[in-house]
């Protein structure tokens, strides 16, 4: 997919009101009801709430070291008119994320999707991570290989690798692994050494 070129603009007050509606719906509706609501909203391609890029960066990187948050804050982060999708475009060094992620996938999911894409940006813009990527992630591959004997002692990580990550097909590669680990494991105690 080519990078989008047209940023979706939102008016602040209706957007903020949409956040209240969406948060209330996610808290109070049962899953089948929420699915029906989302189906109805999509008939008119309505986005209840679209988190502005800078706010999304701040929320997605909350709890990470200051150096990582500062680097992430420099990322050009745009929202575009689509139900889902997006990504990091290294040729433009920017992130484009679909405006529908909050409404159609959930407020929690937009934070996770943003964190994942931001770690692609961080990898390309942080000298230590970029040098490892330029060498095919040799250091990361070695750490993963060295951890194999103890993976059984980390059930959440082992379960994620086997039930989620490896089932992604083409997406189950070292570049995506680099971005998935900080997205899915904020508590490093859940990871093998």
N, C-alpha and C. Protein backbone atom coordinates (compact mmCIF):
# COMPACT_ATOMS: atom_id res chain seq x y z
N UNK A 1 0.84 -1.18 0.00
CA UNK A 1 0.00 0.00 0.00
C UNK A 1 0.88 1.24 0.00
N UNK A 2 0.54 2.19 -0.84
CA UNK A 2 1.27 3.45 -0.87
C UNK A 2 0.84 4.30 0.32
N UNK A 3 1.73 5.14 0.77
CA UNK A 3 1.40 6.02 1.89
C UNK A 3 0.30 7.00 1.48
N UNK A 4 -0.66 7.23 2.36
CA UNK A 4 -1.68 8.24 2.07
C UNK A 4 -1.03 9.62 1.98
N UNK A 5 -1.73 10.54 1.34
CA UNK A 5 -1.18 11.89 1.18
C UNK A 5 -2.11 12.97 1.72
N UNK A 6 -3.30 12.59 2.16
CA UNK A 6 -4.26 13.59 2.59
C UNK A 6 -4.66 13.35 4.04
N UNK A 7 -4.27 14.28 4.88
CA UNK A 7 -4.54 14.20 6.32
C UNK A 7 -6.02 14.50 6.58
N UNK A 8 -6.63 13.70 7.45
CA UNK A 8 -8.01 13.95 7.86
C UNK A 8 -8.01 15.03 8.94
N UNK A 9 -8.78 16.08 8.73
CA UNK A 9 -8.90 17.16 9.72
C UNK A 9 -10.19 16.97 10.51
N UNK A 10 -10.14 17.22 11.80
CA UNK A 10 -11.30 17.10 12.67
C UNK A 10 -11.49 18.39 13.46
N UNK A 11 -12.74 18.74 13.72
CA UNK A 11 -13.05 19.89 14.58
C UNK A 11 -12.96 19.40 16.02
N UNK A 12 -12.28 20.16 16.87
CA UNK A 12 -11.93 19.70 18.22
C UNK A 12 -13.12 19.35 19.10
N UNK A 13 -14.13 20.20 19.19
CA UNK A 13 -15.23 19.96 20.14
C UNK A 13 -16.06 18.74 19.75
N UNK A 14 -16.54 18.63 18.50
CA UNK A 14 -17.28 17.40 18.16
C UNK A 14 -16.42 16.14 18.30
N UNK A 15 -15.13 16.26 18.01
CA UNK A 15 -14.24 15.11 18.16
C UNK A 15 -14.17 14.68 19.63
N UNK A 16 -14.03 15.65 20.54
CA UNK A 16 -13.97 15.35 21.97
C UNK A 16 -15.29 14.73 22.45
N UNK A 17 -16.40 15.23 21.94
CA UNK A 17 -17.70 14.66 22.31
C UNK A 17 -17.80 13.22 21.81
N UNK A 18 -17.26 12.97 20.63
CA UNK A 18 -17.25 11.61 20.08
C UNK A 18 -16.47 10.66 20.96
N UNK A 19 -15.40 11.17 21.59
CA UNK A 19 -14.62 10.34 22.50
C UNK A 19 -15.47 9.89 23.68
N UNK A 20 -16.26 10.81 24.22
CA UNK A 20 -17.14 10.46 25.35
C UNK A 20 -18.14 9.39 24.94
N UNK A 21 -18.74 9.56 23.76
CA UNK A 21 -19.73 8.59 23.28
C UNK A 21 -19.08 7.22 23.08
N UNK A 22 -17.91 7.20 22.45
CA UNK A 22 -17.23 5.94 22.17
C UNK A 22 -16.79 5.25 23.47
N UNK A 23 -16.22 6.00 24.39
CA UNK A 23 -15.79 5.41 25.67
C UNK A 23 -16.98 4.84 26.43
N UNK A 24 -18.10 5.57 26.41
CA UNK A 24 -19.32 5.09 27.08
C UNK A 24 -19.81 3.80 26.42
N UNK A 25 -19.83 3.78 25.09
CA UNK A 25 -20.29 2.58 24.36
C UNK A 25 -19.40 1.38 24.67
N UNK A 26 -18.10 1.59 24.69
CA UNK A 26 -17.18 0.48 24.97
C UNK A 26 -17.34 -0.04 26.40
N UNK A 27 -17.68 0.85 27.33
CA UNK A 27 -17.85 0.45 28.74
C UNK A 27 -19.18 -0.25 28.99
N UNK A 28 -20.23 0.16 28.28
CA UNK A 28 -21.57 -0.30 28.66
C UNK A 28 -22.19 -1.33 27.73
N UNK A 29 -21.82 -1.36 26.47
CA UNK A 29 -22.45 -2.29 25.54
C UNK A 29 -21.80 -3.67 25.60
N UNK A 30 -22.61 -4.69 25.43
CA UNK A 30 -22.09 -6.05 25.31
C UNK A 30 -21.45 -6.19 23.93
N UNK A 31 -20.51 -7.12 23.76
CA UNK A 31 -19.82 -7.25 22.47
C UNK A 31 -20.74 -7.31 21.24
N UNK A 32 -21.85 -8.08 21.26
CA UNK A 32 -22.71 -8.09 20.06
C UNK A 32 -23.35 -6.72 19.79
N UNK A 33 -23.70 -6.00 20.87
CA UNK A 33 -24.28 -4.67 20.70
C UNK A 33 -23.26 -3.69 20.14
N UNK A 34 -22.03 -3.79 20.62
CA UNK A 34 -20.96 -2.91 20.12
C UNK A 34 -20.69 -3.20 18.65
N UNK A 35 -20.72 -4.46 18.28
CA UNK A 35 -20.53 -4.84 16.87
C UNK A 35 -21.64 -4.24 16.02
N UNK A 36 -22.88 -4.34 16.47
CA UNK A 36 -24.01 -3.76 15.72
C UNK A 36 -23.86 -2.24 15.59
N UNK A 37 -23.46 -1.58 16.68
CA UNK A 37 -23.25 -0.13 16.62
C UNK A 37 -22.19 0.20 15.58
N UNK A 38 -21.08 -0.53 15.60
CA UNK A 38 -20.01 -0.26 14.64
C UNK A 38 -20.48 -0.51 13.21
N UNK A 39 -21.28 -1.55 13.00
CA UNK A 39 -21.81 -1.81 11.66
C UNK A 39 -22.70 -0.65 11.20
N UNK A 40 -23.54 -0.14 12.10
CA UNK A 40 -24.40 0.99 11.75
C UNK A 40 -23.56 2.23 11.43
N UNK A 41 -22.56 2.49 12.24
CA UNK A 41 -21.71 3.67 12.00
C UNK A 41 -20.98 3.57 10.68
N UNK A 42 -20.55 2.37 10.32
CA UNK A 42 -19.78 2.22 9.08
C UNK A 42 -20.65 2.44 7.84
N UNK A 43 -21.96 2.24 7.95
CA UNK A 43 -22.85 2.50 6.81
C UNK A 43 -22.74 3.95 6.35
N UNK A 44 -22.43 4.84 7.27
CA UNK A 44 -22.25 6.26 6.92
C UNK A 44 -20.79 6.68 7.05
N UNK A 45 -19.90 5.71 7.21
CA UNK A 45 -18.47 5.95 7.37
C UNK A 45 -18.19 7.05 8.41
N UNK A 46 -18.79 6.85 9.57
CA UNK A 46 -18.67 7.80 10.68
C UNK A 46 -17.51 7.41 11.59
N UNK A 47 -16.71 8.40 11.95
CA UNK A 47 -15.66 8.21 12.93
C UNK A 47 -16.07 8.99 14.17
N UNK A 48 -16.37 8.28 15.26
CA UNK A 48 -16.79 8.98 16.48
C UNK A 48 -15.67 9.82 17.05
N UNK A 49 -14.47 9.26 17.07
CA UNK A 49 -13.34 9.97 17.66
C UNK A 49 -12.08 9.59 16.92
N UNK A 50 -11.26 10.60 16.63
CA UNK A 50 -9.96 10.39 15.99
C UNK A 50 -8.92 11.12 16.84
N UNK A 51 -8.07 10.36 17.51
CA UNK A 51 -7.05 10.95 18.38
C UNK A 51 -6.03 11.70 17.54
N UNK A 52 -5.78 12.98 17.85
CA UNK A 52 -4.74 13.72 17.11
C UNK A 52 -3.37 13.05 17.28
N UNK A 53 -2.56 13.10 16.23
CA UNK A 53 -1.25 12.45 16.23
C UNK A 53 -0.40 12.73 17.46
N UNK A 54 -0.17 14.00 17.83
CA UNK A 54 0.68 14.27 19.00
C UNK A 54 0.13 13.67 20.30
N UNK A 55 -1.18 13.68 20.47
CA UNK A 55 -1.79 13.10 21.67
C UNK A 55 -1.60 11.58 21.65
N UNK A 56 -1.77 11.00 20.48
CA UNK A 56 -1.61 9.55 20.34
C UNK A 56 -0.18 9.12 20.63
N UNK A 57 0.78 9.89 20.18
CA UNK A 57 2.19 9.59 20.46
C UNK A 57 2.43 9.59 21.97
N UNK A 58 1.93 10.62 22.63
CA UNK A 58 2.12 10.72 24.08
C UNK A 58 1.50 9.53 24.81
N UNK A 59 0.28 9.16 24.43
CA UNK A 59 -0.40 8.04 25.09
C UNK A 59 0.27 6.71 24.78
N UNK A 60 0.68 6.53 23.53
CA UNK A 60 1.26 5.26 23.11
C UNK A 60 2.61 5.00 23.77
N UNK A 61 3.36 6.07 24.04
CA UNK A 61 4.71 5.90 24.61
C UNK A 61 4.76 6.16 26.11
N UNK A 62 3.60 6.32 26.73
CA UNK A 62 3.54 6.53 28.18
C UNK A 62 4.24 5.38 28.90
N UNK A 63 5.12 5.74 29.83
CA UNK A 63 5.83 4.74 30.61
C UNK A 63 7.18 4.32 30.04
N UNK A 64 7.47 4.71 28.81
CA UNK A 64 8.78 4.38 28.24
C UNK A 64 9.81 5.41 28.70
N UNK A 65 11.10 5.11 28.58
CA UNK A 65 12.13 6.05 29.02
C UNK A 65 12.01 7.41 28.30
N UNK A 66 12.42 8.49 28.98
CA UNK A 66 12.32 9.84 28.40
C UNK A 66 12.98 9.94 27.01
N UNK A 67 14.11 9.28 26.82
CA UNK A 67 14.80 9.34 25.53
C UNK A 67 13.91 8.79 24.40
N UNK A 68 13.19 7.73 24.67
CA UNK A 68 12.30 7.12 23.67
C UNK A 68 11.09 8.02 23.43
N UNK A 69 10.51 8.57 24.50
CA UNK A 69 9.36 9.46 24.35
C UNK A 69 9.74 10.71 23.58
N UNK A 70 10.92 11.26 23.84
CA UNK A 70 11.37 12.46 23.13
C UNK A 70 11.58 12.17 21.65
N UNK A 71 12.18 11.04 21.34
CA UNK A 71 12.38 10.68 19.94
C UNK A 71 11.03 10.46 19.25
N UNK A 72 10.13 9.74 19.90
CA UNK A 72 8.81 9.51 19.33
C UNK A 72 8.03 10.80 19.10
N UNK A 73 8.21 11.77 19.97
CA UNK A 73 7.50 13.05 19.83
C UNK A 73 7.89 13.79 18.55
N UNK A 74 9.02 13.45 17.97
CA UNK A 74 9.46 14.09 16.72
C UNK A 74 8.82 13.47 15.48
N UNK A 75 8.11 12.38 15.66
CA UNK A 75 7.56 11.64 14.52
C UNK A 75 6.38 12.37 13.88
N UNK A 76 6.43 12.62 12.58
CA UNK A 76 5.24 13.12 11.89
C UNK A 76 4.19 12.00 11.89
N UNK A 77 3.05 12.25 12.51
CA UNK A 77 2.03 11.22 12.71
C UNK A 77 0.70 11.76 12.21
N UNK A 78 0.17 11.17 11.14
CA UNK A 78 -1.03 11.67 10.50
C UNK A 78 -2.15 10.63 10.54
N UNK A 79 -3.38 11.11 10.51
CA UNK A 79 -4.56 10.26 10.42
C UNK A 79 -5.19 10.48 9.05
N UNK A 80 -5.70 9.41 8.44
CA UNK A 80 -6.31 9.54 7.12
C UNK A 80 -7.65 8.82 7.09
N UNK A 81 -8.45 9.13 6.08
CA UNK A 81 -9.82 8.66 5.95
C UNK A 81 -9.87 7.20 5.50
N UNK A 82 -9.93 6.29 6.46
CA UNK A 82 -10.09 4.86 6.19
C UNK A 82 -10.54 4.17 7.48
N UNK A 83 -11.19 3.04 7.32
CA UNK A 83 -11.68 2.29 8.48
C UNK A 83 -10.54 1.67 9.28
N UNK A 84 -9.56 1.13 8.62
CA UNK A 84 -8.44 0.49 9.30
C UNK A 84 -7.20 0.54 8.43
N UNK A 85 -6.08 0.21 9.04
CA UNK A 85 -4.83 0.16 8.29
C UNK A 85 -3.89 1.29 8.66
N UNK A 86 -2.82 1.34 7.94
CA UNK A 86 -1.81 2.37 8.16
C UNK A 86 -0.45 1.75 8.34
N UNK A 87 0.50 2.58 8.71
CA UNK A 87 1.84 2.07 8.91
C UNK A 87 2.87 3.16 8.96
N UNK A 88 4.12 2.71 9.07
CA UNK A 88 5.27 3.61 9.06
C UNK A 88 5.89 3.53 7.68
N UNK A 89 6.12 4.68 7.06
CA UNK A 89 6.75 4.74 5.75
C UNK A 89 8.16 5.29 5.91
N UNK A 90 9.17 4.41 5.86
CA UNK A 90 10.54 4.86 6.09
C UNK A 90 11.04 5.84 5.03
N UNK A 91 10.55 5.72 3.80
CA UNK A 91 11.00 6.64 2.76
C UNK A 91 10.57 8.07 3.06
N UNK A 92 9.48 8.23 3.81
CA UNK A 92 9.01 9.56 4.20
C UNK A 92 9.24 9.82 5.68
N UNK A 93 9.66 8.79 6.42
CA UNK A 93 9.93 8.88 7.85
C UNK A 93 8.72 9.43 8.61
N UNK A 94 7.54 8.86 8.30
CA UNK A 94 6.31 9.32 8.94
C UNK A 94 5.32 8.16 9.08
N UNK A 95 4.36 8.36 9.97
CA UNK A 95 3.32 7.37 10.23
C UNK A 95 1.98 7.92 9.77
N UNK A 96 1.22 7.05 9.11
CA UNK A 96 -0.16 7.34 8.73
C UNK A 96 -1.01 6.22 9.32
N UNK A 97 -2.01 6.58 10.11
CA UNK A 97 -2.89 5.59 10.73
C UNK A 97 -4.33 5.93 10.38
N UNK A 98 -5.10 4.92 10.01
CA UNK A 98 -6.50 5.11 9.63
C UNK A 98 -7.29 5.79 10.73
N UNK A 99 -8.19 6.68 10.33
CA UNK A 99 -9.02 7.41 11.29
C UNK A 99 -10.05 6.51 11.98
N UNK A 100 -10.34 5.37 11.39
CA UNK A 100 -11.37 4.50 11.96
C UNK A 100 -10.92 3.56 13.04
N UNK A 101 -9.65 3.57 13.40
CA UNK A 101 -9.16 2.59 14.36
C UNK A 101 -9.90 2.70 15.70
N UNK A 102 -10.07 3.90 16.23
CA UNK A 102 -10.77 4.06 17.52
C UNK A 102 -12.20 3.53 17.42
N UNK A 103 -12.95 4.02 16.44
CA UNK A 103 -14.37 3.69 16.33
C UNK A 103 -14.60 2.21 16.04
N UNK A 104 -13.81 1.64 15.14
CA UNK A 104 -14.10 0.29 14.65
C UNK A 104 -13.24 -0.81 15.26
N UNK A 105 -12.13 -0.45 15.91
CA UNK A 105 -11.28 -1.45 16.56
C UNK A 105 -11.18 -1.22 18.07
N UNK A 106 -11.36 0.02 18.51
CA UNK A 106 -11.39 0.30 19.94
C UNK A 106 -10.34 1.28 20.40
N UNK A 107 -10.64 1.95 21.50
CA UNK A 107 -9.73 2.95 22.06
C UNK A 107 -8.42 2.32 22.53
N UNK A 108 -8.47 1.10 23.03
CA UNK A 108 -7.24 0.42 23.45
C UNK A 108 -6.39 0.06 22.23
N UNK A 109 -7.06 -0.40 21.18
CA UNK A 109 -6.33 -0.85 19.99
C UNK A 109 -5.58 0.30 19.32
N UNK A 110 -6.13 1.50 19.33
CA UNK A 110 -5.43 2.60 18.66
C UNK A 110 -4.11 2.90 19.37
N UNK A 111 -4.09 2.75 20.68
CA UNK A 111 -2.85 2.96 21.44
C UNK A 111 -1.82 1.89 21.08
N UNK A 112 -2.27 0.64 20.98
CA UNK A 112 -1.36 -0.45 20.63
C UNK A 112 -0.84 -0.30 19.20
N UNK A 113 -1.74 0.00 18.26
CA UNK A 113 -1.32 0.17 16.86
C UNK A 113 -0.32 1.31 16.73
N UNK A 114 -0.57 2.38 17.45
CA UNK A 114 0.33 3.54 17.40
C UNK A 114 1.68 3.21 18.00
N UNK A 115 1.69 2.52 19.12
CA UNK A 115 2.95 2.12 19.75
C UNK A 115 3.77 1.27 18.79
N UNK A 116 3.12 0.31 18.15
CA UNK A 116 3.81 -0.57 17.20
C UNK A 116 4.46 0.25 16.08
N UNK A 117 3.70 1.14 15.47
CA UNK A 117 4.25 1.94 14.36
C UNK A 117 5.34 2.89 14.86
N UNK A 118 5.16 3.44 16.05
CA UNK A 118 6.18 4.34 16.60
C UNK A 118 7.50 3.61 16.83
N UNK A 119 7.44 2.33 17.18
CA UNK A 119 8.70 1.61 17.36
C UNK A 119 9.39 1.31 16.03
N UNK A 120 8.65 1.29 14.93
CA UNK A 120 9.32 1.24 13.62
C UNK A 120 10.06 2.57 13.39
N UNK A 121 9.39 3.67 13.71
CA UNK A 121 10.02 5.00 13.58
C UNK A 121 11.25 5.09 14.48
N UNK A 122 11.11 4.66 15.73
CA UNK A 122 12.22 4.73 16.68
C UNK A 122 13.39 3.89 16.19
N UNK A 123 13.10 2.72 15.66
CA UNK A 123 14.17 1.86 15.15
C UNK A 123 14.96 2.56 14.05
N UNK A 124 14.27 3.26 13.17
CA UNK A 124 14.94 3.95 12.06
C UNK A 124 15.67 5.21 12.49
N UNK A 125 15.29 5.77 13.62
CA UNK A 125 15.82 7.08 14.01
C UNK A 125 16.68 7.06 15.27
N UNK A 126 16.89 5.91 15.86
CA UNK A 126 17.76 5.77 17.03
C UNK A 126 19.01 5.04 16.58
N UNK A 127 20.17 5.62 16.81
CA UNK A 127 21.41 5.07 16.24
C UNK A 127 21.67 3.62 16.65
N UNK A 128 21.41 3.27 17.89
CA UNK A 128 21.69 1.90 18.34
C UNK A 128 20.78 0.89 17.62
N UNK A 129 19.49 1.20 17.57
CA UNK A 129 18.55 0.27 16.94
C UNK A 129 18.74 0.24 15.42
N UNK A 130 19.01 1.40 14.84
CA UNK A 130 19.19 1.46 13.38
C UNK A 130 20.41 0.67 12.96
N UNK A 131 21.49 0.75 13.72
CA UNK A 131 22.69 0.00 13.34
C UNK A 131 22.43 -1.50 13.42
N UNK A 132 21.62 -1.95 14.39
CA UNK A 132 21.29 -3.38 14.46
C UNK A 132 20.41 -3.78 13.28
N UNK A 133 19.43 -2.93 12.94
CA UNK A 133 18.57 -3.26 11.79
C UNK A 133 19.40 -3.30 10.51
N UNK A 134 20.32 -2.36 10.35
CA UNK A 134 21.16 -2.34 9.15
C UNK A 134 21.98 -3.62 9.01
N UNK A 135 22.21 -4.32 10.12
CA UNK A 135 22.96 -5.59 10.09
C UNK A 135 22.01 -6.79 10.17
N UNK A 136 20.74 -6.58 9.81
CA UNK A 136 19.78 -7.69 9.83
C UNK A 136 19.33 -8.08 11.22
N UNK A 137 19.43 -7.15 12.15
CA UNK A 137 19.04 -7.39 13.55
C UNK A 137 19.84 -8.53 14.15
N UNK A 138 21.13 -8.56 13.89
CA UNK A 138 22.00 -9.61 14.42
C UNK A 138 21.97 -9.70 15.93
N UNK A 139 22.03 -8.55 16.62
CA UNK A 139 22.01 -8.57 18.09
C UNK A 139 20.68 -9.09 18.62
N UNK A 140 19.59 -8.63 18.01
CA UNK A 140 18.26 -9.07 18.45
C UNK A 140 18.09 -10.57 18.19
N UNK A 141 18.50 -11.03 17.04
CA UNK A 141 18.40 -12.46 16.73
C UNK A 141 19.19 -13.30 17.73
N UNK A 142 20.37 -12.82 18.13
CA UNK A 142 21.20 -13.56 19.08
C UNK A 142 20.52 -13.64 20.45
N UNK A 143 19.95 -12.53 20.89
CA UNK A 143 19.25 -12.51 22.19
C UNK A 143 18.08 -13.49 22.17
N UNK A 144 17.32 -13.49 21.08
CA UNK A 144 16.18 -14.41 20.97
C UNK A 144 16.67 -15.85 20.99
N UNK A 145 17.72 -16.14 20.22
CA UNK A 145 18.26 -17.50 20.19
C UNK A 145 18.79 -17.92 21.56
N UNK A 146 19.48 -17.02 22.23
CA UNK A 146 20.03 -17.34 23.55
C UNK A 146 18.94 -17.58 24.60
N UNK A 147 17.75 -17.03 24.37
CA UNK A 147 16.68 -17.16 25.37
C UNK A 147 15.86 -18.45 25.20
N UNK A 148 16.06 -19.17 24.13
CA UNK A 148 15.25 -20.38 23.88
C UNK A 148 15.19 -21.36 25.05
N UNK A 149 16.32 -21.65 25.71
CA UNK A 149 16.24 -22.63 26.81
C UNK A 149 15.34 -22.21 27.97
N UNK A 150 15.08 -20.92 28.14
CA UNK A 150 14.29 -20.47 29.29
C UNK A 150 12.89 -19.96 28.92
N UNK A 151 12.53 -20.01 27.64
CA UNK A 151 11.23 -19.49 27.21
C UNK A 151 10.08 -20.15 27.96
N UNK A 152 10.22 -21.42 28.28
CA UNK A 152 9.15 -22.13 29.01
C UNK A 152 8.83 -21.49 30.35
N UNK A 153 9.78 -20.74 30.91
CA UNK A 153 9.58 -20.09 32.21
C UNK A 153 8.84 -18.75 32.09
N UNK A 154 8.48 -18.36 30.87
CA UNK A 154 7.79 -17.10 30.61
C UNK A 154 6.52 -17.40 29.82
N UNK A 155 5.47 -17.88 30.51
CA UNK A 155 4.29 -18.40 29.81
C UNK A 155 3.55 -17.37 28.95
N UNK A 156 3.46 -16.14 29.40
CA UNK A 156 2.75 -15.15 28.58
C UNK A 156 3.50 -14.89 27.29
N UNK A 157 4.81 -14.74 27.38
CA UNK A 157 5.64 -14.53 26.18
C UNK A 157 5.56 -15.75 25.26
N UNK A 158 5.74 -16.93 25.82
CA UNK A 158 5.69 -18.16 25.01
C UNK A 158 4.34 -18.28 24.31
N UNK A 159 3.27 -18.00 25.03
CA UNK A 159 1.93 -18.06 24.44
C UNK A 159 1.75 -17.04 23.34
N UNK A 160 2.26 -15.84 23.55
CA UNK A 160 2.15 -14.80 22.52
C UNK A 160 2.91 -15.21 21.27
N UNK A 161 4.13 -15.71 21.42
CA UNK A 161 4.93 -16.11 20.25
C UNK A 161 4.21 -17.19 19.46
N UNK A 162 3.73 -18.22 20.15
CA UNK A 162 3.15 -19.36 19.43
C UNK A 162 1.71 -19.12 18.97
N UNK A 163 0.91 -18.44 19.76
CA UNK A 163 -0.51 -18.27 19.42
C UNK A 163 -0.81 -17.00 18.64
N UNK A 164 0.10 -16.05 18.65
CA UNK A 164 -0.18 -14.77 17.99
C UNK A 164 0.89 -14.41 16.96
N UNK A 165 2.11 -14.21 17.42
CA UNK A 165 3.15 -13.70 16.52
C UNK A 165 3.42 -14.62 15.34
N UNK A 166 3.69 -15.89 15.60
CA UNK A 166 4.06 -16.81 14.52
C UNK A 166 2.91 -17.08 13.56
N UNK A 167 1.69 -16.79 13.96
CA UNK A 167 0.52 -17.01 13.10
C UNK A 167 0.27 -15.84 12.15
N UNK A 168 1.13 -14.85 12.17
CA UNK A 168 0.94 -13.68 11.31
C UNK A 168 1.44 -13.88 9.88
N UNK A 169 1.96 -15.03 9.57
CA UNK A 169 2.44 -15.29 8.22
C UNK A 169 3.62 -14.41 7.87
N UNK A 170 3.51 -13.67 6.77
CA UNK A 170 4.60 -12.80 6.31
C UNK A 170 4.98 -11.74 7.34
N UNK A 171 4.03 -11.41 8.19
CA UNK A 171 4.29 -10.36 9.19
C UNK A 171 5.11 -10.88 10.37
N UNK A 172 5.31 -12.18 10.45
CA UNK A 172 6.09 -12.77 11.54
C UNK A 172 7.57 -12.74 11.16
N UNK A 173 8.14 -11.55 11.22
CA UNK A 173 9.56 -11.39 10.87
C UNK A 173 10.23 -10.54 11.93
N UNK A 174 11.54 -10.44 11.86
CA UNK A 174 12.30 -9.78 12.92
C UNK A 174 11.99 -8.29 13.02
N UNK A 175 11.67 -7.64 11.91
CA UNK A 175 11.33 -6.21 11.94
C UNK A 175 10.04 -6.00 12.73
N UNK A 176 9.05 -6.83 12.47
CA UNK A 176 7.78 -6.73 13.20
C UNK A 176 7.95 -7.16 14.65
N UNK A 177 8.78 -8.15 14.89
CA UNK A 177 9.06 -8.60 16.26
C UNK A 177 9.62 -7.44 17.08
N UNK A 178 10.55 -6.68 16.48
CA UNK A 178 11.15 -5.53 17.18
C UNK A 178 10.05 -4.57 17.66
N UNK A 179 9.06 -4.31 16.81
CA UNK A 179 8.00 -3.36 17.17
C UNK A 179 6.93 -4.00 18.05
N UNK A 180 6.73 -5.30 17.92
CA UNK A 180 5.70 -5.98 18.72
C UNK A 180 6.07 -6.15 20.18
N UNK A 181 7.34 -6.35 20.46
CA UNK A 181 7.75 -6.61 21.85
C UNK A 181 7.40 -5.43 22.77
N UNK A 182 7.82 -4.19 22.49
CA UNK A 182 7.44 -3.10 23.40
C UNK A 182 5.94 -2.81 23.39
N UNK A 183 5.27 -3.14 22.29
CA UNK A 183 3.83 -2.92 22.21
C UNK A 183 3.08 -3.88 23.13
N UNK A 184 3.50 -5.13 23.16
CA UNK A 184 2.78 -6.17 23.89
C UNK A 184 3.33 -6.49 25.27
N UNK A 185 4.55 -6.03 25.56
CA UNK A 185 5.18 -6.38 26.84
C UNK A 185 5.77 -5.14 27.51
N UNK A 186 4.91 -4.34 28.10
CA UNK A 186 5.38 -3.16 28.83
C UNK A 186 6.14 -3.58 30.08
N UNK A 187 5.75 -4.71 30.64
CA UNK A 187 6.42 -5.24 31.84
C UNK A 187 7.51 -6.20 31.38
N UNK A 188 8.75 -5.75 31.44
CA UNK A 188 9.86 -6.57 30.93
C UNK A 188 10.09 -7.83 31.76
N UNK A 189 9.50 -7.92 32.95
CA UNK A 189 9.62 -9.15 33.74
C UNK A 189 8.92 -10.32 33.06
N UNK A 190 8.05 -10.04 32.09
CA UNK A 190 7.35 -11.10 31.36
C UNK A 190 8.18 -11.64 30.19
N UNK A 191 9.36 -11.06 29.98
CA UNK A 191 10.21 -11.45 28.85
C UNK A 191 11.42 -12.25 29.32
N UNK A 192 11.86 -13.21 28.51
CA UNK A 192 13.11 -13.90 28.85
C UNK A 192 14.27 -12.92 28.84
N UNK A 193 15.33 -13.22 29.60
CA UNK A 193 16.47 -12.28 29.66
C UNK A 193 17.19 -12.20 28.32
